[in-house]
Amino acid sequence: MPIRMILLGSIFVLSHLDIPLPSVSAGEGLEWENAGMIEASHFRESVMGDTVTVTTSGSDHSAAAGCREWQLLPDGLLWHSYLAAPHEPRISTVILQTNNEGVFWDATLGGRVGLIRYGTAGAVNASGWQWDLEAAAITRLDLLHAEDVESMDYRFGTEITAAEGPWAMKFGYFHISSHVGDEYMIRNPTFQRVNYVTESWIIGGSYLPRDDVRLYGEFANSFRASGGAKRYQFQTGAEYTPIAKVVARGAPFAAINLNFRQAVGWDVSTTVQAGWAFQSARSGRRVRFGLQYGDGPTSQFSFFQRRESYLGGGVWFDY
């Protein structure tokens, strides 16, 4: 009884006082005529600090996506590694058998990342220019000899990349050094190791005649070369990479790469891939399963004078 009387008395008093109270509208949410005083006092900032506004509106996102701005550690890339090129930075594993009855495991551990971008935001169909770093360790294991390391090629580089519509380009520097595995040297004590090293400037370009087709070419000029390496290298190729409407179902892919090096008298090294790929429409990253065929001078530069043909199967993860 006392509680009921207190409540009734409070309601009576409030109804006779001129105090603005918040009103709730089903269509507009919470409204308060004095809310501007809170914003003007910077109360929100003092309590919450600096915050990032996140919007899920499609129209807002599209407007922001077309705005060019400076971005530190941007999402995605403006230039992507060639699918069928054995010496590109990525994560991959390929089991192959050569024409001389060798069975090898080629494994690559590496990647390409963006440091700074001036351009549109996002990982897919972005435009502008970007500073990238790339690195990879490319290893060949001999499966017929207890998985001994036969050779390792190390690659490191940095590039300025750019993209606008269907066109993309890169310009930069990369280092290659090749090494022979200790186990191989023990099994082949008469082998004369070469110190194959290149320091090169590189320029490349690509064009998308369709969203799922890419044509590319690049030229490398080594300002330092040793161990049998020569100054010039050129490679070109084509890729077919449709994106499935449902990511989990995947889609076919195919790629070819042609590599010409002065060190082997311009003898072409051909690599062909085909298989099934799963690609994220949001991040652009892709995982592929398929077959790989190669013919020509080996991609293991410690044995750059060796010629081989091979067929194998592998898995590739593309950034």
C-alpha atoms as a PDB file:
ATOM      1  CA  MET A   1       0.000   0.000   0.000  1.00  0.00           C
ATOM      2  CA  PRO A   2       2.714   2.618   0.829  1.00  0.00           C
ATOM      3  CA  ILE A   3       4.593   1.753  -2.401  1.00  0.00           C
ATOM      4  CA  ARG A   4       1.430   2.272  -4.462  1.00  0.00           C
ATOM      5  CA  MET A   5       0.844   5.655  -2.885  1.00  0.00           C
ATOM      6  CA  ILE A   6       4.439   6.732  -3.560  1.00  0.00           C
ATOM      7  CA  LEU A   7       4.182   5.772  -7.236  1.00  0.00           C
ATOM      8  CA  LEU A   8       0.875   7.589  -7.681  1.00  0.00           C
ATOM      9  CA  GLY A   9       2.299  10.659  -5.987  1.00  0.00           C
ATOM     10  CA  SER A  10       5.382  10.650  -8.229  1.00  0.00           C
ATOM     11  CA  ILE A  11       3.267  10.469 -11.385  1.00  0.00           C
ATOM     12  CA  PHE A  12       1.077  13.341 -10.150  1.00  0.00           C
ATOM     13  CA  VAL A  13       4.113  15.539  -9.458  1.00  0.00           C
ATOM     14  CA  LEU A  14       5.805  14.823 -12.787  1.00  0.00           C
ATOM     15  CA  SER A  15       2.615  15.508 -14.706  1.00  0.00           C
ATOM     16  CA  HIS A  16       2.539  19.023 -13.262  1.00  0.00           C
ATOM     17  CA  LEU A  17       6.228  19.837 -13.877  1.00  0.00           C
ATOM     18  CA  ASP A  18       7.532  21.302 -17.148  1.00  0.00           C
ATOM     19  CA  ILE A  19      10.358  18.735 -17.688  1.00  0.00           C
ATOM     20  CA  PRO A  20      11.059  17.552 -21.267  1.00  0.00           C
ATOM     21  CA  LEU A  21      11.020  13.788 -21.446  1.00  0.00           C
ATOM     22  CA  PRO A  22      12.199  11.543 -24.281  1.00  0.00           C
ATOM     23  CA  SER A  23       9.507  10.193 -26.538  1.00  0.00           C
ATOM     24  CA  VAL A  24       9.670   6.968 -28.437  1.00  0.00           C
ATOM     25  CA  SER A  25       8.393   6.756 -31.980  1.00  0.00           C
ATOM     26  CA  ALA A  26       7.975   3.382 -33.638  1.00  0.00           C
ATOM     27  CA  GLY A  27       9.071   4.791 -36.985  1.00  0.00           C
ATOM     28  CA  GLU A  28      11.906   7.074 -35.883  1.00  0.00           C
ATOM     29  CA  GLY A  29      13.299   5.439 -32.762  1.00  0.00           C
ATOM     30  CA  LEU A  30      14.315   7.515 -29.728  1.00  0.00           C
ATOM     31  CA  GLU A  31      13.985  11.318 -30.090  1.00  0.00           C
ATOM     32  CA  TRP A  32      15.140  13.975 -27.603  1.00  0.00           C
ATOM     33  CA  GLU A  33      15.004  17.662 -28.299  1.00  0.00           C
ATOM     34  CA  ASN A  34      18.061  18.336 -26.091  1.00  0.00           C
ATOM     35  CA  ALA A  35      20.232  15.609 -27.643  1.00  0.00           C
ATOM     36  CA  GLY A  36      22.304  18.302 -29.393  1.00  0.00           C
ATOM     37  CA  MET A  37      23.606  19.428 -26.000  1.00  0.00           C
ATOM     38  CA  ILE A  38      25.166  16.014 -25.466  1.00  0.00           C
ATOM     39  CA  GLU A  39      26.884  16.112 -28.877  1.00  0.00           C
ATOM     40  CA  ALA A  40      28.137  19.676 -28.330  1.00  0.00           C
ATOM     41  CA  SER A  41      29.682  18.703 -24.984  1.00  0.00           C
ATOM     42  CA  HIS A  42      31.848  16.009 -26.671  1.00  0.00           C
ATOM     43  CA  PHE A  43      30.584  13.581 -24.037  1.00  0.00           C
ATOM     44  CA  ARG A  44      30.587  10.709 -26.563  1.00  0.00           C
ATOM     45  CA  GLU A  45      34.247  11.219 -27.480  1.00  0.00           C
ATOM     46  CA  SER A  46      35.362  11.502 -23.854  1.00  0.00           C
ATOM     47  CA  VAL A  47      33.726   8.177 -22.993  1.00  0.00           C
ATOM     48  CA  MET A  48      34.273   6.135 -26.186  1.00  0.00           C
ATOM     49  CA  GLY A  49      37.402   7.700 -27.680  1.00  0.00           C
ATOM     50  CA  ASP A  50      38.092   7.649 -31.430  1.00  0.00           C
ATOM     51  CA  THR A  51      35.906   5.106 -33.217  1.00  0.00           C
ATOM     52  CA  VAL A  52      35.480   3.924 -36.768  1.00  0.00           C
ATOM     53  CA  THR A  53      32.041   4.213 -38.272  1.00  0.00           C
ATOM     54  CA  VAL A  54      30.993   0.981 -39.939  1.00  0.00           C
ATOM     55  CA  THR A  55      28.200   1.023 -42.466  1.00  0.00           C
ATOM     56  CA  THR A  56      26.471  -1.905 -44.114  1.00  0.00           C
ATOM     57  CA  SER A  57      24.660   0.239 -46.630  1.00  0.00           C
ATOM     58  CA  GLY A  58      25.439  -0.849 -50.165  1.00  0.00           C
ATOM     59  CA  SER A  59      25.131   2.687 -51.572  1.00  0.00           C
ATOM     60  CA  ASP A  60      27.514   4.134 -48.968  1.00  0.00           C
ATOM     61  CA  HIS A  61      30.049   1.402 -49.657  1.00  0.00           C
ATOM     62  CA  SER A  62      29.926   1.991 -53.396  1.00  0.00           C
ATOM     63  CA  ALA A  63      30.502   5.709 -52.933  1.00  0.00           C
ATOM     64  CA  ALA A  64      33.482   5.083 -50.655  1.00  0.00           C
ATOM     65  CA  ALA A  65      34.914   2.478 -53.017  1.00  0.00           C
ATOM     66  CA  GLY A  66      35.253   5.065 -55.804  1.00  0.00           C
ATOM     67  CA  CYS A  67      37.158   7.529 -53.619  1.00  0.00           C
ATOM     68  CA  ARG A  68      40.952   7.601 -53.976  1.00  0.00           C
ATOM     69  CA  GLU A  69      42.870   8.009 -50.769  1.00  0.00           C
ATOM     70  CA  TRP A  70      46.082   7.019 -49.007  1.00  0.00           C
ATOM     71  CA  GLN A  71      45.890   3.599 -47.346  1.00  0.00           C
ATOM     72  CA  LEU A  72      48.430   1.951 -45.058  1.00  0.00           C
ATOM     73  CA  LEU A  73      48.542  -1.868 -45.368  1.00  0.00           C
ATOM     74  CA  PRO A  74      45.674  -1.956 -47.889  1.00  0.00           C
ATOM     75  CA  ASP A  75      43.410  -4.910 -48.546  1.00  0.00           C
ATOM     76  CA  GLY A  76      44.361  -6.960 -51.599  1.00  0.00           C
ATOM     77  CA  LEU A  77      46.713  -6.342 -54.500  1.00  0.00           C
ATOM     78  CA  LEU A  78      46.725  -4.387 -57.740  1.00  0.00           C
ATOM     79  CA  TRP A  79      49.119  -6.892 -59.356  1.00  0.00           C
ATOM     80  CA  HIS A  80      48.901 -10.665 -58.948  1.00  0.00           C
ATOM     81  CA  SER A  81      51.461 -13.436 -59.399  1.00  0.00           C
ATOM     82  CA  TYR A  82      51.278 -15.397 -62.654  1.00  0.00           C
ATOM     83  CA  LEU A  83      49.411 -18.668 -62.094  1.00  0.00           C
ATOM     84  CA  ALA A  84      51.665 -20.963 -64.137  1.00  0.00           C
ATOM     85  CA  ALA A  85      55.061 -19.347 -63.457  1.00  0.00           C
ATOM     86  CA  PRO A  86      57.140 -21.619 -61.161  1.00  0.00           C
ATOM     87  CA  HIS A  87      59.199 -18.759 -59.696  1.00  0.00           C
ATOM     88  CA  GLU A  88      56.328 -16.535 -58.540  1.00  0.00           C
ATOM     89  CA  PRO A  89      55.758 -15.768 -54.824  1.00  0.00           C
ATOM     90  CA  ARG A  90      52.875 -17.857 -53.429  1.00  0.00           C
ATOM     91  CA  ILE A  91      52.218 -20.976 -51.355  1.00  0.00           C
ATOM     92  CA  SER A  92      52.168 -24.165 -53.412  1.00  0.00           C
ATOM     93  CA  THR A  93      53.064 -27.828 -53.488  1.00  0.00           C
ATOM     94  CA  VAL A  94      53.497 -29.975 -56.623  1.00  0.00           C
ATOM     95  CA  ILE A  95      54.418 -33.660 -56.918  1.00  0.00           C
ATOM     96  CA  LEU A  96      55.916 -34.378 -60.339  1.00  0.00           C
ATOM     97  CA  GLN A  97      57.652 -37.081 -62.354  1.00  0.00           C
ATOM     98  CA  THR A  98      60.270 -36.124 -64.923  1.00  0.00           C
ATOM     99  CA  ASN A  99      61.227 -37.772 -68.192  1.00  0.00           C
ATOM    100  CA  ASN A 100      64.440 -39.131 -66.615  1.00  0.00           C
ATOM    101  CA  GLU A 101      62.344 -41.115 -64.089  1.00  0.00           C
ATOM    102  CA  GLY A 102      62.923 -38.693 -61.250  1.00  0.00           C
ATOM    103  CA  VAL A 103      60.117 -38.028 -58.774  1.00  0.00           C
ATOM    104  CA  PHE A 104      60.248 -34.662 -57.034  1.00  0.00           C
ATOM    105  CA  TRP A 105      58.296 -32.524 -54.643  1.00  0.00           C
ATOM    106  CA  ASP A 106      58.388 -28.826 -55.539  1.00  0.00           C
ATOM    107  CA  ALA A 107      57.243 -26.677 -52.628  1.00  0.00           C
ATOM    108  CA  THR A 108      57.025 -22.880 -52.534  1.00  0.00           C
ATOM    109  CA  LEU A 109      56.526 -20.858 -49.380  1.00  0.00           C
ATOM    110  CA  GLY A 110      56.064 -17.156 -49.977  1.00  0.00           C
ATOM    111  CA  GLY A 111      53.696 -14.340 -50.725  1.00  0.00           C
ATOM    112  CA  ARG A 112      53.081 -10.818 -51.920  1.00  0.00           C
ATOM    113  CA  VAL A 113      51.738  -8.024 -49.694  1.00  0.00           C
ATOM    114  CA  GLY A 114      50.852  -4.370 -50.117  1.00  0.00           C
ATOM    115  CA  LEU A 115      52.404  -1.733 -47.865  1.00  0.00           C
ATOM    116  CA  ILE A 116      50.972   1.568 -49.104  1.00  0.00           C
ATOM    117  CA  ARG A 117      48.266   2.364 -51.653  1.00  0.00           C
ATOM    118  CA  TYR A 118      46.962   5.555 -53.150  1.00  0.00           C
ATOM    119  CA  GLY A 119      43.732   4.611 -54.849  1.00  0.00           C
ATOM    120  CA  THR A 120      40.344   3.066 -54.258  1.00  0.00           C
ATOM    121  CA  ALA A 121      39.698   0.769 -51.333  1.00  0.00           C
ATOM    122  CA  GLY A 122      39.003  -2.941 -51.461  1.00  0.00           C
ATOM    123  CA  ALA A 123      40.689  -6.145 -52.524  1.00  0.00           C
ATOM    124  CA  VAL A 124      38.832  -6.660 -55.829  1.00  0.00           C
ATOM    125  CA  ASN A 125      38.757  -4.334 -58.854  1.00  0.00           C
ATOM    126  CA  ALA A 126      40.673  -1.621 -57.023  1.00  0.00           C
ATOM    127  CA  SER A 127      42.572   1.062 -58.952  1.00  0.00           C
ATOM    128  CA  GLY A 128      45.463   3.390 -58.194  1.00  0.00           C
ATOM    129  CA  TRP A 129      49.050   2.587 -57.370  1.00  0.00           C
ATOM    130  CA  GLN A 130      50.611   0.492 -54.595  1.00  0.00           C
ATOM    131  CA  TRP A 131      53.978  -0.370 -53.083  1.00  0.00           C
ATOM    132  CA  ASP A 132      54.402  -4.156 -52.660  1.00  0.00           C
ATOM    133  CA  LEU A 133      56.882  -6.543 -51.076  1.00  0.00           C
ATOM    134  CA  GLU A 134      57.335 -10.108 -52.322  1.00  0.00           C
ATOM    135  CA  ALA A 135      59.390 -13.090 -51.171  1.00  0.00           C
ATOM    136  CA  ALA A 136      59.508 -16.839 -51.731  1.00  0.00           C
ATOM    137  CA  ALA A 137      61.575 -19.920 -50.930  1.00  0.00           C
ATOM    138  CA  ILE A 138      61.282 -22.402 -53.804  1.00  0.00           C
ATOM    139  CA  THR A 139      62.473 -25.873 -52.795  1.00  0.00           C
ATOM    140  CA  ARG A 140      62.806 -29.169 -54.648  1.00  0.00           C
ATOM    141  CA  LEU A 141      62.857 -32.443 -52.676  1.00  0.00           C
ATOM    142  CA  ASP A 142      63.926 -35.781 -54.164  1.00  0.00           C
ATOM    143  CA  LEU A 143      61.231 -38.305 -53.213  1.00  0.00           C
ATOM    144  CA  LEU A 144      63.315 -41.265 -54.424  1.00  0.00           C
ATOM    145  CA  HIS A 145      66.112 -40.398 -51.983  1.00  0.00           C
ATOM    146  CA  ALA A 146      64.418 -39.969 -48.605  1.00  0.00           C
ATOM    147  CA  GLU A 147      63.031 -36.526 -49.535  1.00  0.00           C
ATOM    148  CA  ASP A 148      66.532 -35.061 -49.679  1.00  0.00           C
ATOM    149  CA  VAL A 149      66.704 -31.373 -50.520  1.00  0.00           C
ATOM    150  CA  GLU A 150      68.045 -31.133 -54.059  1.00  0.00           C
ATOM    151  CA  SER A 151      68.002 -27.379 -54.467  1.00  0.00           C
ATOM    152  CA  MET A 152      66.502 -24.145 -53.164  1.00  0.00           C
ATOM    153  CA  ASP A 153      65.918 -20.848 -54.945  1.00  0.00           C
ATOM    154  CA  TYR A 154      65.298 -17.734 -52.881  1.00  0.00           C
ATOM    155  CA  ARG A 155      63.467 -14.709 -54.245  1.00  0.00           C
ATOM    156  CA  PHE A 156      62.955 -11.302 -52.700  1.00  0.00           C
ATOM    157  CA  GLY A 157      61.721  -8.106 -54.314  1.00  0.00           C
ATOM    158  CA  THR A 158      59.852  -4.847 -54.050  1.00  0.00           C
ATOM    159  CA  GLU A 159      57.683  -3.253 -56.714  1.00  0.00           C
ATOM    160  CA  ILE A 160      55.493  -0.287 -57.503  1.00  0.00           C
ATOM    161  CA  THR A 161      52.285  -1.625 -59.021  1.00  0.00           C
ATOM    162  CA  ALA A 162      49.359   0.173 -60.623  1.00  0.00           C
ATOM    163  CA  ALA A 163      45.943  -0.725 -62.022  1.00  0.00           C
ATOM    164  CA  GLU A 164      43.298   1.171 -63.975  1.00  0.00           C
ATOM    165  CA  GLY A 165      40.337  -0.640 -65.470  1.00  0.00           C
ATOM    166  CA  PRO A 166      41.530  -3.721 -67.417  1.00  0.00           C
ATOM    167  CA  TRP A 167      45.183  -2.555 -67.390  1.00  0.00           C
ATOM    168  CA  ALA A 168      47.830  -3.190 -64.744  1.00  0.00           C
ATOM    169  CA  MET A 169      51.595  -2.719 -64.556  1.00  0.00           C
ATOM    170  CA  LYS A 170      54.550  -3.158 -62.236  1.00  0.00           C
ATOM    171  CA  PHE A 171      58.079  -1.791 -61.964  1.00  0.00           C
ATOM    172  CA  GLY A 172      60.636  -2.792 -59.385  1.00  0.00           C
ATOM    173  CA  TYR A 173      63.560  -4.892 -58.261  1.00  0.00           C
ATOM    174  CA  PHE A 174      64.006  -8.560 -57.381  1.00  0.00           C
ATOM    175  CA  HIS A 175      66.847 -10.783 -56.183  1.00  0.00           C
ATOM    176  CA  ILE A 176      67.338 -14.463 -57.036  1.00  0.00           C
ATOM    177  CA  SER A 177      69.912 -16.731 -55.413  1.00  0.00           C
ATOM    178  CA  SER A 178      70.084 -20.480 -55.939  1.00  0.00           C
ATOM    179  CA  HIS A 179      71.560 -23.107 -53.600  1.00  0.00           C
ATOM    180  CA  VAL A 180      72.190 -26.859 -53.740  1.00  0.00           C
ATOM    181  CA  GLY A 181      71.048 -29.089 -50.881  1.00  0.00           C
ATOM    182  CA  ASP A 182      73.664 -30.643 -48.608  1.00  0.00           C
ATOM    183  CA  GLU A 183      72.266 -34.131 -49.160  1.00  0.00           C
ATOM    184  CA  TYR A 184      72.615 -33.743 -52.920  1.00  0.00           C
ATOM    185  CA  MET A 185      76.246 -32.642 -52.547  1.00  0.00           C
ATOM    186  CA  ILE A 186      76.976 -35.687 -50.370  1.00  0.00           C
ATOM    187  CA  ARG A 187      75.444 -38.072 -52.923  1.00  0.00           C
ATOM    188  CA  ASN A 188      77.215 -36.304 -55.808  1.00  0.00           C
ATOM    189  CA  PRO A 189      80.699 -35.347 -54.504  1.00  0.00           C
ATOM    190  CA  THR A 190      81.987 -34.470 -57.995  1.00  0.00           C
ATOM    191  CA  PHE A 191      79.189 -31.971 -58.669  1.00  0.00           C
ATOM    192  CA  GLN A 192      80.517 -28.470 -59.285  1.00  0.00           C
ATOM    193  CA  ARG A 193      78.182 -25.999 -57.638  1.00  0.00           C
ATOM    194  CA  VAL A 194      77.469 -22.690 -59.402  1.00  0.00           C
ATOM    195  CA  ASN A 195      76.622 -19.519 -57.534  1.00  0.00           C
ATOM    196  CA  TYR A 196      73.611 -18.540 -59.645  1.00  0.00           C
ATOM    197  CA  VAL A 197      72.614 -15.022 -58.540  1.00  0.00           C
ATOM    198  CA  THR A 198      70.772 -12.182 -60.241  1.00  0.00           C
ATOM    199  CA  GLU A 199      69.890  -8.656 -59.131  1.00  0.00           C
ATOM    200  CA  SER A 200      67.355  -7.342 -61.614  1.00  0.00           C
ATOM    201  CA  TRP A 201      65.137  -4.444 -62.560  1.00  0.00           C
ATOM    202  CA  ILE A 202      61.775  -5.627 -63.799  1.00  0.00           C
ATOM    203  CA  ILE A 203      58.866  -4.121 -65.689  1.00  0.00           C
ATOM    204  CA  GLY A 204      55.632  -5.864 -66.603  1.00  0.00           C
ATOM    205  CA  GLY A 205      52.128  -5.256 -67.854  1.00  0.00           C
ATOM    206  CA  SER A 206      48.840  -7.129 -68.067  1.00  0.00           C
ATOM    207  CA  TYR A 207      45.494  -6.702 -69.797  1.00  0.00           C
ATOM    208  CA  LEU A 208      42.047  -8.212 -69.126  1.00  0.00           C
ATOM    209  CA  PRO A 209      40.133  -8.569 -72.415  1.00  0.00           C
ATOM    210  CA  ARG A 210      37.384 -10.158 -70.271  1.00  0.00           C
ATOM    211  CA  ASP A 211      36.848 -10.416 -66.551  1.00  0.00           C
ATOM    212  CA  ASP A 212      38.004 -14.049 -66.566  1.00  0.00           C
ATOM    213  CA  VAL A 213      40.954 -13.776 -69.022  1.00  0.00           C
ATOM    214  CA  ARG A 214      44.350 -12.212 -68.342  1.00  0.00           C
ATOM    215  CA  LEU A 215      47.223 -11.635 -70.778  1.00  0.00           C
ATOM    216  CA  TYR A 216      50.615 -10.522 -69.477  1.00  0.00           C
ATOM    217  CA  GLY A 217      54.270  -9.997 -70.276  1.00  0.00           C
ATOM    218  CA  GLU A 218      57.355  -8.854 -68.378  1.00  0.00           C
ATOM    219  CA  PHE A 219      61.002  -8.035 -69.009  1.00  0.00           C
ATOM    220  CA  ALA A 220      63.858  -8.353 -66.498  1.00  0.00           C
ATOM    221  CA  ASN A 221      67.265  -6.716 -66.845  1.00  0.00           C
ATOM    222  CA  SER A 222      69.944  -7.987 -64.441  1.00  0.00           C
ATOM    223  CA  PHE A 223      72.472  -5.350 -63.418  1.00  0.00           C
ATOM    224  CA  ARG A 224      74.358  -8.079 -61.531  1.00  0.00           C
ATOM    225  CA  ALA A 225      74.578 -11.708 -62.628  1.00  0.00           C
ATOM    226  CA  SER A 226      76.917 -14.557 -61.644  1.00  0.00           C
ATOM    227  CA  GLY A 227      77.173 -18.345 -61.676  1.00  0.00           C
ATOM    228  CA  GLY A 228      76.132 -18.708 -65.300  1.00  0.00           C
ATOM    229  CA  ALA A 229      73.222 -16.268 -65.075  1.00  0.00           C
ATOM    230  CA  LYS A 230      72.901 -13.746 -67.898  1.00  0.00           C
ATOM    231  CA  ARG A 231      71.446 -10.293 -68.173  1.00  0.00           C
ATOM    232  CA  TYR A 232      68.057 -10.624 -69.843  1.00  0.00           C
ATOM    233  CA  GLN A 233      64.885 -12.570 -69.181  1.00  0.00           C
ATOM    234  CA  PHE A 234      61.402 -12.333 -70.702  1.00  0.00           C
ATOM    235  CA  GLN A 235      58.181 -14.172 -69.916  1.00  0.00           C
ATOM    236  CA  THR A 236      54.625 -14.023 -71.138  1.00  0.00           C
ATOM    237  CA  GLY A 237      51.436 -15.995 -70.714  1.00  0.00           C
ATOM    238  CA  ALA A 238      47.665 -16.214 -70.468  1.00  0.00           C
ATOM    239  CA  GLU A 239      45.194 -17.213 -67.749  1.00  0.00           C
ATOM    240  CA  TYR A 240      41.549 -18.248 -67.665  1.00  0.00           C
ATOM    241  CA  THR A 241      39.971 -17.892 -64.188  1.00  0.00           C
ATOM    242  CA  PRO A 242      36.169 -17.641 -64.041  1.00  0.00           C
ATOM    243  CA  ILE A 243      34.676 -17.040 -60.590  1.00  0.00           C
ATOM    244  CA  ALA A 244      31.892 -19.384 -59.505  1.00  0.00           C
ATOM    245  CA  LYS A 245      28.589 -17.846 -58.421  1.00  0.00           C
ATOM    246  CA  VAL A 246      28.754 -20.154 -55.401  1.00  0.00           C
ATOM    247  CA  VAL A 247      32.283 -20.159 -53.961  1.00  0.00           C
ATOM    248  CA  ALA A 248      31.956 -23.667 -52.522  1.00  0.00           C
ATOM    249  CA  ARG A 249      31.282 -25.122 -55.984  1.00  0.00           C
ATOM    250  CA  GLY A 250      34.400 -23.654 -57.579  1.00  0.00           C
ATOM    251  CA  ALA A 251      35.145 -23.214 -61.258  1.00  0.00           C
ATOM    252  CA  PRO A 252      37.698 -24.470 -63.807  1.00  0.00           C
ATOM    253  CA  PHE A 253      40.963 -22.660 -64.477  1.00  0.00           C
ATOM    254  CA  ALA A 254      43.724 -22.905 -67.065  1.00  0.00           C
ATOM    255  CA  ALA A 255      47.047 -21.086 -67.475  1.00  0.00           C
ATOM    256  CA  ILE A 256      50.188 -21.123 -69.606  1.00  0.00           C
ATOM    257  CA  ASN A 257      53.546 -19.445 -68.996  1.00  0.00           C
ATOM    258  CA  LEU A 258      56.436 -19.090 -71.453  1.00  0.00           C
ATOM    259  CA  ASN A 259      59.837 -18.140 -70.012  1.00  0.00           C
ATOM    260  CA  PHE A 260      62.815 -17.085 -72.146  1.00  0.00           C
ATOM    261  CA  ARG A 261      66.249 -16.599 -70.545  1.00  0.00           C
ATOM    262  CA  GLN A 262      69.491 -15.490 -72.107  1.00  0.00           C
ATOM    263  CA  ALA A 263      71.330 -17.893 -69.769  1.00  0.00           C
ATOM    264  CA  VAL A 264      69.942 -20.889 -71.699  1.00  0.00           C
ATOM    265  CA  GLY A 265      70.234 -19.416 -75.183  1.00  0.00           C
ATOM    266  CA  TRP A 266      66.579 -18.256 -75.204  1.00  0.00           C
ATOM    267  CA  ASP A 267      65.344 -21.861 -75.066  1.00  0.00           C
ATOM    268  CA  VAL A 268      61.722 -21.536 -73.970  1.00  0.00           C
ATOM    269  CA  SER A 269      60.562 -23.073 -70.692  1.00  0.00           C
ATOM    270  CA  THR A 270      56.861 -23.905 -70.981  1.00  0.00           C
ATOM    271  CA  THR A 271      54.515 -24.493 -68.042  1.00  0.00           C
ATOM    272  CA  VAL A 272      50.828 -25.392 -68.443  1.00  0.00           C
ATOM    273  CA  GLN A 273      48.259 -25.802 -65.677  1.00  0.00           C
ATOM    274  CA  ALA A 274      44.599 -26.822 -65.589  1.00  0.00           C
ATOM    275  CA  GLY A 275      42.218 -27.788 -62.841  1.00  0.00           C
ATOM    276  CA  TRP A 276      39.576 -26.532 -60.415  1.00  0.00           C
ATOM    277  CA  ALA A 277      39.743 -23.353 -58.351  1.00  0.00           C
ATOM    278  CA  PHE A 278      37.871 -21.805 -55.452  1.00  0.00           C
ATOM    279  CA  GLN A 279      38.070 -18.014 -55.306  1.00  0.00           C
ATOM    280  CA  SER A 280      36.593 -15.529 -52.858  1.00  0.00           C
ATOM    281  CA  ALA A 281      34.690 -12.727 -54.568  1.00  0.00           C
ATOM    282  CA  ARG A 282      35.355 -10.515 -51.536  1.00  0.00           C
ATOM    283  CA  SER A 283      39.108 -11.009 -50.921  1.00  0.00           C
ATOM    284  CA  GLY A 284      40.208 -12.203 -54.368  1.00  0.00           C
ATOM    285  CA  ARG A 285      42.289 -14.969 -52.797  1.00  0.00           C
ATOM    286  CA  ARG A 286      42.196 -18.295 -54.577  1.00  0.00           C
ATOM    287  CA  VAL A 287      43.064 -21.952 -53.907  1.00  0.00           C
ATOM    288  CA  ARG A 288      43.576 -24.231 -56.901  1.00  0.00           C
ATOM    289  CA  PHE A 289      43.825 -27.990 -57.423  1.00  0.00           C
ATOM    290  CA  GLY A 290      45.063 -29.356 -60.714  1.00  0.00           C
ATOM    291  CA  LEU A 291      47.678 -30.755 -63.069  1.00  0.00           C
ATOM    292  CA  GLN A 292      50.915 -29.124 -64.177  1.00  0.00           C
ATOM    293  CA  TYR A 293      52.997 -29.937 -67.239  1.00  0.00           C
ATOM    294  CA  GLY A 294      56.410 -28.507 -67.961  1.00  0.00           C
ATOM    295  CA  ASP A 295      58.964 -28.740 -70.752  1.00  0.00           C
ATOM    296  CA  GLY A 296      62.260 -26.942 -71.255  1.00  0.00           C
ATOM    297  CA  PRO A 297      65.106 -25.681 -69.069  1.00  0.00           C
ATOM    298  CA  THR A 298      64.483 -26.514 -65.415  1.00  0.00           C
ATOM    299  CA  SER A 299      63.150 -23.876 -63.044  1.00  0.00           C
ATOM    300  CA  GLN A 300      65.765 -24.920 -60.464  1.00  0.00           C
ATOM    301  CA  PHE A 301      68.536 -22.465 -61.310  1.00  0.00           C
ATOM    302  CA  SER A 302      71.347 -24.428 -59.607  1.00  0.00           C
ATOM    303  CA  PHE A 303      70.872 -26.853 -62.523  1.00  0.00           C
ATOM    304  CA  PHE A 304      69.921 -24.201 -65.086  1.00  0.00           C
ATOM    305  CA  GLN A 305      71.602 -26.129 -67.926  1.00  0.00           C
ATOM    306  CA  ARG A 306      69.428 -29.197 -67.252  1.00  0.00           C
ATOM    307  CA  ARG A 307      66.470 -29.731 -69.569  1.00  0.00           C
ATOM    308  CA  GLU A 308      63.440 -31.696 -68.417  1.00  0.00           C
ATOM    309  CA  SER A 309      59.860 -32.605 -69.193  1.00  0.00           C
ATOM    310  CA  TYR A 310      57.491 -33.473 -66.381  1.00  0.00           C
ATOM    311  CA  LEU A 311      53.871 -34.027 -65.385  1.00  0.00           C
ATOM    312  CA  GLY A 312      52.474 -33.645 -61.896  1.00  0.00           C
ATOM    313  CA  GLY A 313      49.620 -32.600 -59.664  1.00  0.00           C
ATOM    314  CA  GLY A 314      49.537 -29.820 -57.154  1.00  0.00           C
ATOM    315  CA  VAL A 315      47.779 -27.316 -54.922  1.00  0.00           C
ATOM    316  CA  TRP A 316      48.335 -23.560 -55.205  1.00  0.00           C
ATOM    317  CA  PHE A 317      47.250 -20.696 -52.947  1.00  0.00           C
ATOM    318  CA  ASP A 318      47.174 -17.293 -54.662  1.00  0.00           C
ATOM    319  CA  TYR A 319      47.095 -13.940 -52.900  1.00  0.00           C
END
